[in-house]
């Protein structure tokens, strides 16, 4: 490219310096190197000496047209270079000789930017986390004299399809500290590499301390969940599930069914996200859901909870919850006008075998008597 411009410049200087009758190069032309190939440093020096009056272009069509002019008529080559020099000066090229972008460059760039933005918006909604993530969504200072503490709300995100209302828990520093102490006693090896924010004697309620602890709790739970040995630890499952079940049970027993339903639903989401396979607590959660749906006049949802419980129980004829779930399923099916003969026959067989009393206790009675510790 540099040799081509040098060739054109020599033609122009020859035309303007010596006149049309003398084709020999002028004295100014001899100052430039005779080599047809210039190093990068020489090219930059040439651009500097021209003080930005040379307009560089990389369009192949323009290069072809200029080559044809040079081969056909030397005057045409000088005229073309003069026009280019004049156009470059009018466009205000910089001292480094940088050319301005093509006219369709910004439009193409904007189009590409819009396409990338549209692609990102579509792909972002379809992104699925590959592992369970924890995010502190809020941290509130609770002042209940004589105690004062910070309540951290943690949302559980993925894996799997994104839910409109993610499962979440609310815990304070002492809850995290108790969990850390219990796991260190039981799993010294795996817990040795997992850090935990130390306790402070003062400045516990500053924004900086709360923000640091929020990030530390997210990482702490993420590390525990990443170790298979710790993931199924009873203490970790109790940390996530037990407080939710206890609160839901208390609200159900006091008749606050709508508030209790939200807690039972959140407990169900927690167990699904954490892949907790403890059958007793899963069945207890379905008991709470069925009871609250019945009391809120939602028979379809209550029947669905009973069906999920019956699928989990399978052929466990001796399980104490099988009879109550069958009895509730029969009654709800009759109310909704759905075939109930299969559940009715199974319940009758259990009663004849003496595996469940006649009539069996209701789900609500069992929930009230259940001791959660």
Protein backbone atom coordinates (compact mmCIF):
# COMPACT_ATOMS: atom_id res chain seq x y z
CA UNK A 1 0.00 0.00 0.00
CA UNK A 2 2.80 2.44 0.88
CA UNK A 3 4.62 1.76 -2.39
CA UNK A 4 1.49 2.52 -4.35
CA UNK A 5 1.02 5.88 -2.65
CA UNK A 6 4.70 6.66 -3.20
CA UNK A 7 4.27 5.90 -6.89
CA UNK A 8 1.29 8.25 -7.17
CA UNK A 9 3.09 10.99 -5.26
CA UNK A 10 6.02 10.86 -7.64
CA UNK A 11 3.68 11.32 -10.59
CA UNK A 12 2.04 14.32 -8.97
CA UNK A 13 5.34 15.97 -8.05
CA UNK A 14 6.67 15.37 -11.52
CA UNK A 15 3.63 17.05 -13.08
CA UNK A 16 3.56 20.04 -10.77
CA UNK A 17 7.32 20.60 -10.37
CA UNK A 18 8.86 20.06 -13.83
CA UNK A 19 5.92 20.61 -16.17
CA UNK A 20 4.37 18.21 -18.67
CA UNK A 21 7.35 18.22 -20.96
CA UNK A 22 9.87 16.73 -18.50
CA UNK A 23 8.93 13.37 -17.04
CA UNK A 24 12.00 13.17 -14.78
CA UNK A 25 11.53 13.28 -11.04
CA UNK A 26 12.15 16.52 -9.19
CA UNK A 27 14.62 16.96 -6.37
CA UNK A 28 11.89 16.55 -3.72
CA UNK A 29 11.02 13.13 -5.03
CA UNK A 30 14.57 11.88 -4.48
CA UNK A 31 14.29 12.51 -0.76
CA UNK A 32 12.00 9.49 -0.36
CA UNK A 33 13.49 5.98 -0.22
CA UNK A 34 13.71 4.13 -3.50
CA UNK A 35 12.66 0.75 -2.10
CA UNK A 36 9.20 -0.39 -3.14
CA UNK A 37 8.55 -1.94 0.31
CA UNK A 38 8.48 0.26 3.41
CA UNK A 39 8.73 -0.89 6.96
CA UNK A 40 5.97 0.09 9.37
CA UNK A 41 8.16 2.78 10.92
CA UNK A 42 8.89 4.28 7.49
CA UNK A 43 5.19 4.34 6.67
CA UNK A 44 4.44 6.20 9.86
CA UNK A 45 7.22 8.68 9.08
CA UNK A 46 5.82 9.25 5.63
CA UNK A 47 2.39 9.97 7.04
CA UNK A 48 3.91 12.45 9.47
CA UNK A 49 5.79 14.34 6.76
CA UNK A 50 2.61 14.62 4.72
CA UNK A 51 0.94 16.29 7.73
CA UNK A 52 -2.28 14.33 7.34
CA UNK A 53 -3.11 15.46 3.82
CA UNK A 54 -3.14 11.92 2.40
CA UNK A 55 -6.42 10.06 2.69
CA UNK A 56 -6.01 6.31 3.12
CA UNK A 57 -8.71 3.97 1.86
CA UNK A 58 -9.09 0.22 1.71
CA UNK A 59 -11.97 -0.03 -0.72
CA UNK A 60 -11.00 -2.42 -3.47
CA UNK A 61 -13.19 -0.75 -6.10
CA UNK A 62 -11.51 2.63 -5.63
CA UNK A 63 -8.08 1.03 -5.85
CA UNK A 64 -9.00 -0.68 -9.11
CA UNK A 65 -10.29 2.58 -10.61
CA UNK A 66 -7.12 4.45 -9.64
CA UNK A 67 -4.92 1.74 -11.11
CA UNK A 68 -6.77 2.06 -14.42
CA UNK A 69 -6.24 5.85 -14.40
CA UNK A 70 -2.51 5.42 -13.77
CA UNK A 71 -2.13 2.93 -16.59
CA UNK A 72 -4.16 5.01 -19.07
CA UNK A 73 -3.08 8.63 -18.57
CA UNK A 74 -0.48 10.17 -16.24
CA UNK A 75 -2.48 13.38 -16.13
CA UNK A 76 -5.45 11.45 -14.89
CA UNK A 77 -3.33 10.01 -12.09
CA UNK A 78 -2.19 13.47 -11.03
CA UNK A 79 -5.71 14.82 -11.17
CA UNK A 80 -7.02 11.90 -9.11
CA UNK A 81 -4.35 12.45 -6.46
CA UNK A 82 -5.07 16.18 -6.37
CA UNK A 83 -8.77 15.51 -5.87
CA UNK A 84 -7.94 13.05 -3.11
CA UNK A 85 -5.62 15.51 -1.40
CA UNK A 86 -8.24 18.23 -1.57
CA UNK A 87 -11.01 15.93 -0.27
CA UNK A 88 -8.80 14.78 2.59
CA UNK A 89 -8.01 18.35 3.60
CA UNK A 90 -11.65 19.37 3.53
CA UNK A 91 -12.64 16.41 5.68
CA UNK A 92 -10.15 17.52 8.35
CA UNK A 93 -8.03 14.43 8.49
CA UNK A 94 -5.79 14.19 11.58
CA UNK A 95 -2.06 14.66 11.63
CA UNK A 96 -1.57 10.89 11.71
CA UNK A 97 -3.32 10.47 8.36
CA UNK A 98 -6.14 8.27 9.73
CA UNK A 99 -9.03 7.97 7.34
CA UNK A 100 -12.61 8.52 8.39
CA UNK A 101 -14.92 5.44 8.54
CA UNK A 102 -17.09 4.63 5.54
CA UNK A 103 -20.49 6.23 5.40
CA UNK A 104 -22.26 2.95 6.03
CA UNK A 105 -20.01 2.02 8.97
CA UNK A 106 -22.09 3.56 11.79
CA UNK A 107 -25.29 2.11 10.40
CA UNK A 108 -23.76 -1.35 10.17
CA UNK A 109 -22.34 -0.99 13.66
CA UNK A 110 -25.69 0.11 15.08
CA UNK A 111 -27.43 -2.80 13.35
CA UNK A 112 -24.93 -5.26 14.79
CA UNK A 113 -25.34 -3.72 18.26
CA UNK A 114 -29.12 -4.05 18.08
CA UNK A 115 -28.84 -7.65 16.95
CA UNK A 116 -26.49 -8.48 19.82
CA UNK A 117 -28.81 -6.77 22.31
CA UNK A 118 -31.83 -8.69 21.01
CA UNK A 119 -29.89 -11.95 21.16
CA UNK A 120 -28.77 -11.23 24.74
CA UNK A 121 -32.31 -10.43 25.87
CA UNK A 122 -33.62 -13.67 24.40
CA UNK A 123 -30.78 -15.82 25.68
CA UNK A 124 -30.84 -14.23 29.15
CA UNK A 125 -34.43 -15.37 29.68
CA UNK A 126 -33.45 -18.90 28.65
CA UNK A 127 -30.31 -19.21 30.76
CA UNK A 128 -30.56 -22.02 33.31
CA UNK A 129 -28.12 -22.17 36.23
CA UNK A 130 -26.09 -25.38 36.29
CA UNK A 131 -26.02 -25.50 40.10
CA UNK A 132 -27.94 -24.11 43.03
CA UNK A 133 -27.14 -20.47 43.77
CA UNK A 134 -27.86 -18.40 46.87
CA UNK A 135 -28.54 -14.67 46.82
CA UNK A 136 -29.20 -12.36 49.77
CA UNK A 137 -32.12 -10.27 48.54
CA UNK A 138 -32.60 -8.17 51.68
CA UNK A 139 -31.09 -7.57 55.11
CA UNK A 140 -33.20 -5.83 57.75
CA UNK A 141 -32.20 -4.65 61.20
CA UNK A 142 -34.75 -5.99 63.70
CA UNK A 143 -34.98 -4.13 67.00
CA UNK A 144 -36.94 -6.16 69.55
CA UNK A 145 -35.79 -5.01 73.00
CA UNK A 146 -33.74 -6.28 74.62
CA UNK A 147 -32.40 -7.92 71.43
CA UNK A 148 -31.31 -6.37 68.16
CA UNK A 149 -30.19 -8.36 65.14
CA UNK A 150 -30.02 -8.41 61.33
CA UNK A 151 -32.40 -10.71 59.46
CA UNK A 152 -30.99 -11.90 56.12
CA UNK A 153 -33.39 -13.10 53.42
CA UNK A 154 -31.77 -15.58 51.04
CA UNK A 155 -33.31 -16.68 47.73
CA UNK A 156 -32.50 -20.07 46.17
CA UNK A 157 -31.98 -19.87 42.39
CA UNK A 158 -31.85 -22.87 40.03
CA UNK A 159 -30.99 -25.34 38.77
CA UNK A 160 -33.94 -25.98 36.49
CA UNK A 161 -36.57 -23.68 34.97
CA UNK A 162 -36.77 -20.24 36.51
CA UNK A 163 -39.68 -19.88 38.94
CA UNK A 164 -41.79 -16.77 39.29
CA UNK A 165 -41.49 -16.94 43.10
CA UNK A 166 -38.20 -18.57 44.16
CA UNK A 167 -37.86 -20.43 47.41
CA UNK A 168 -36.38 -18.31 50.18
CA UNK A 169 -35.44 -18.36 53.83
CA UNK A 170 -34.84 -15.69 56.48
CA UNK A 171 -32.05 -16.32 58.98
CA UNK A 172 -29.95 -14.28 61.40
CA UNK A 173 -26.23 -14.45 62.11
CA UNK A 174 -26.67 -16.74 65.11
CA UNK A 175 -28.45 -19.30 62.89
CA UNK A 176 -25.52 -19.39 60.46
CA UNK A 177 -23.05 -19.58 63.34
CA UNK A 178 -24.89 -22.53 64.89
CA UNK A 179 -24.91 -24.37 61.57
CA UNK A 180 -21.18 -23.72 61.10
CA UNK A 181 -20.38 -25.01 64.59
CA UNK A 182 -22.48 -28.18 64.15
CA UNK A 183 -20.94 -29.03 60.80
CA UNK A 184 -17.39 -28.43 62.04
CA UNK A 185 -17.99 -30.90 64.87
CA UNK A 186 -19.31 -33.58 62.52
CA UNK A 187 -17.24 -32.96 59.36
CA UNK A 188 -13.83 -31.64 60.38
CA UNK A 189 -12.11 -32.48 57.10
CA UNK A 190 -14.53 -30.95 54.56
CA UNK A 191 -15.26 -27.94 56.78
CA UNK A 192 -11.58 -27.04 57.23
CA UNK A 193 -11.47 -25.31 53.84
CA UNK A 194 -14.79 -23.44 54.20
CA UNK A 195 -14.52 -19.94 55.64
CA UNK A 196 -17.08 -18.21 57.82
CA UNK A 197 -17.37 -14.50 58.78
CA UNK A 198 -16.09 -13.96 62.29
CA UNK A 199 -18.18 -12.43 65.01
CA UNK A 200 -17.70 -8.74 65.81
CA UNK A 201 -18.12 -7.07 69.18
CA UNK A 202 -19.23 -3.77 67.68
CA UNK A 203 -20.23 -2.14 64.38
CA UNK A 204 -22.43 -5.13 63.59
CA UNK A 205 -25.19 -2.96 62.12
CA UNK A 206 -23.22 -0.76 59.74
CA UNK A 207 -24.00 -0.99 56.04
CA UNK A 208 -20.46 -2.16 55.29
CA UNK A 209 -20.60 -5.04 57.79
CA UNK A 210 -24.04 -6.14 56.60
CA UNK A 211 -22.93 -6.08 52.95
CA UNK A 212 -19.79 -8.10 53.69
CA UNK A 213 -21.70 -10.68 55.69
CA UNK A 214 -24.33 -10.98 52.97
CA UNK A 215 -21.69 -11.92 50.40
CA UNK A 216 -19.97 -14.22 52.91
CA UNK A 217 -23.24 -16.07 53.66
CA UNK A 218 -23.90 -16.55 49.94
CA UNK A 219 -20.47 -18.09 49.47
CA UNK A 220 -20.77 -20.15 52.65
CA UNK A 221 -24.03 -21.80 51.58
CA UNK A 222 -22.74 -22.28 48.05
CA UNK A 223 -19.64 -24.08 49.31
CA UNK A 224 -21.71 -26.35 51.57
CA UNK A 225 -24.03 -27.23 48.72
CA UNK A 226 -21.08 -28.04 46.43
CA UNK A 227 -19.74 -30.79 48.75
CA UNK A 228 -21.85 -33.97 48.42
CA UNK A 229 -20.96 -35.11 51.94
CA UNK A 230 -22.23 -31.85 53.42
CA UNK A 231 -25.19 -31.42 51.07
CA UNK A 232 -27.11 -34.31 52.66
CA UNK A 233 -26.10 -33.52 56.24
CA UNK A 234 -29.14 -33.49 58.57
CA UNK A 235 -27.98 -30.26 60.21
CA UNK A 236 -27.92 -28.46 56.86
CA UNK A 237 -31.38 -29.76 55.95
CA UNK A 238 -32.70 -28.68 59.33
CA UNK A 239 -31.23 -25.22 58.76
CA UNK A 240 -33.25 -24.81 55.55
CA UNK A 241 -36.48 -26.68 56.30
CA UNK A 242 -37.21 -27.02 60.01
CA UNK A 243 -37.93 -23.34 60.87
CA UNK A 244 -40.33 -23.07 57.90
CA UNK A 245 -42.23 -26.20 58.92
CA UNK A 246 -42.48 -25.08 62.56
CA UNK A 247 -43.86 -21.66 61.64
CA UNK A 248 -46.30 -23.16 59.14
CA UNK A 249 -47.53 -25.66 61.70
CA UNK A 250 -48.11 -22.96 64.33
CA UNK A 251 -50.11 -20.80 61.90
CA UNK A 252 -52.17 -23.79 60.75
CA UNK A 253 -53.02 -24.78 64.32
CA UNK A 254 -54.15 -21.23 65.13
CA UNK A 255 -56.43 -21.07 62.07
CA UNK A 256 -54.34 -18.65 59.97
CA UNK A 257 -54.62 -20.86 56.92
CA UNK A 258 -53.80 -18.31 54.23
CA UNK A 259 -50.58 -17.24 55.93
CA UNK A 260 -49.73 -20.87 56.66
CA UNK A 261 -50.33 -21.86 53.03
CA UNK A 262 -47.58 -19.51 51.87
CA UNK A 263 -45.13 -21.11 54.30
CA UNK A 264 -46.12 -24.66 53.34
CA UNK A 265 -45.70 -23.76 49.66
CA UNK A 266 -42.28 -22.23 50.30
CA UNK A 267 -41.24 -25.34 52.27
CA UNK A 268 -42.28 -27.49 49.31
CA UNK A 269 -40.18 -25.36 46.94
CA UNK A 270 -37.21 -25.57 49.30
CA UNK A 271 -37.32 -29.34 49.38
CA UNK A 272 -37.60 -29.49 45.59
CA UNK A 273 -34.66 -27.09 45.06
CA UNK A 274 -32.45 -28.77 47.66
CA UNK A 275 -33.43 -32.27 46.51
CA UNK A 276 -34.26 -33.30 50.06
CA UNK A 277 -35.43 -36.90 50.10
CA UNK A 278 -36.60 -37.14 53.72
CA UNK A 279 -39.97 -38.82 53.22
CA UNK A 280 -41.43 -37.85 56.57
CA UNK A 281 -40.99 -34.10 56.13
CA UNK A 282 -42.08 -34.23 52.52
CA UNK A 283 -45.30 -36.01 53.54
CA UNK A 284 -45.81 -33.59 56.42
CA UNK A 285 -45.54 -30.69 53.98
CA UNK A 286 -48.20 -32.30 51.76
CA UNK A 287 -50.41 -32.72 54.84
CA UNK A 288 -50.13 -29.01 55.55
CA UNK A 289 -50.88 -28.10 51.94
CA UNK A 290 -53.92 -30.37 51.80
CA UNK A 291 -55.32 -29.04 55.09
CA UNK A 292 -54.90 -25.37 54.16
CA UNK A 293 -56.38 -25.86 50.69
CA UNK A 294 -59.39 -27.61 52.19
CA UNK A 295 -59.97 -24.91 54.78
CA UNK A 296 -59.68 -22.22 52.07
CA UNK A 297 -62.28 -24.01 49.88
CA UNK A 298 -59.78 -25.10 47.24
CA UNK A 299 -60.71 -28.78 46.75
CA UNK A 300 -58.84 -29.30 43.47
CA UNK A 301 -55.53 -28.17 44.96
CA UNK A 302 -56.17 -30.22 48.11
CA UNK A 303 -56.87 -33.34 46.06
CA UNK A 304 -53.67 -32.79 44.07
CA UNK A 305 -51.66 -32.72 47.31
CA UNK A 306 -53.30 -35.99 48.38
CA UNK A 307 -52.44 -37.61 45.06
CA UNK A 308 -48.80 -36.55 45.36
CA UNK A 309 -48.66 -38.04 48.84
CA UNK A 310 -50.24 -41.32 47.70
CA UNK A 311 -47.65 -41.59 44.91
CA UNK A 312 -44.85 -41.17 47.46
CA UNK A 313 -46.38 -43.73 49.81
CA UNK A 314 -46.79 -46.32 47.06
CA UNK A 315 -47.47 -49.75 48.55
CA UNK A 316 -46.53 -48.84 52.13
CA UNK A 317 -49.71 -50.24 53.66
CA UNK A 318 -48.40 -49.88 57.20
CA UNK A 319 -47.60 -46.16 56.99
CA UNK A 320 -49.75 -44.21 59.48
CA UNK A 321 -50.47 -41.46 56.93
CA UNK A 322 -51.79 -43.76 54.19
CA UNK A 323 -55.28 -44.15 55.68
CA UNK A 324 -55.83 -40.42 56.35
CA UNK A 325 -54.64 -39.49 52.86
CA UNK A 326 -56.91 -42.10 51.25
CA UNK A 327 -59.89 -40.90 53.28
CA UNK A 328 -59.26 -37.26 52.27
CA UNK A 329 -58.78 -38.28 48.62
CA UNK A 330 -62.07 -40.18 48.56
CA UNK A 331 -63.99 -37.27 50.09
CA UNK A 332 -62.46 -34.65 47.78
CA UNK A 333 -63.00 -36.83 44.68
CA UNK A 334 -66.68 -37.25 45.62
CA UNK A 335 -66.99 -33.48 46.06
CA UNK A 336 -65.45 -32.79 42.67
CA UNK A 337 -67.40 -35.55 40.89
CA UNK A 338 -64.27 -37.60 40.09
CA UNK A 339 -64.06 -41.39 40.16
CA UNK A 340 -63.08 -42.48 43.68
CA UNK A 341 -63.55 -46.24 43.50
CA UNK A 342 -59.86 -47.17 43.49
CA UNK A 343 -59.01 -45.12 46.58
CA UNK A 344 -62.19 -46.29 48.28
CA UNK A 345 -61.34 -49.95 47.69
CA UNK A 346 -57.77 -49.47 48.97
CA UNK A 347 -59.02 -47.74 52.12
CA UNK A 348 -61.54 -50.51 52.77
CA UNK A 349 -58.81 -53.16 52.40
CA UNK A 350 -56.65 -51.35 54.96
CA UNK A 351 -59.51 -51.16 57.43
CA UNK A 352 -60.37 -54.85 57.03
CA UNK A 353 -56.72 -55.75 57.64
CA UNK A 354 -56.68 -53.62 60.79
CA UNK A 355 -53.91 -51.35 59.44
CA UNK A 356 -55.92 -48.16 59.95
CA UNK A 357 -58.80 -47.33 62.30
CA UNK A 358 -62.37 -46.82 61.13
CA UNK A 359 -62.78 -44.00 60.46
CA UNK A 360 -59.13 -42.94 60.11
CA UNK A 361 -57.98 -39.71 61.79
CA UNK A 362 -58.17 -36.56 59.67
CA UNK A 363 -55.08 -34.92 58.24
CA UNK A 364 -55.69 -31.88 60.40
CA UNK A 365 -55.68 -33.96 63.59
CA UNK A 366 -52.42 -35.60 62.62
CA UNK A 367 -50.84 -32.23 61.83
CA UNK A 368 -51.80 -30.81 65.22
CA UNK A 369 -50.38 -33.82 67.07
CA UNK A 370 -47.12 -33.86 65.09
CA UNK A 371 -44.11 -32.78 67.15
CA UNK A 372 -41.52 -30.90 65.13
CA UNK A 373 -38.16 -30.56 66.86
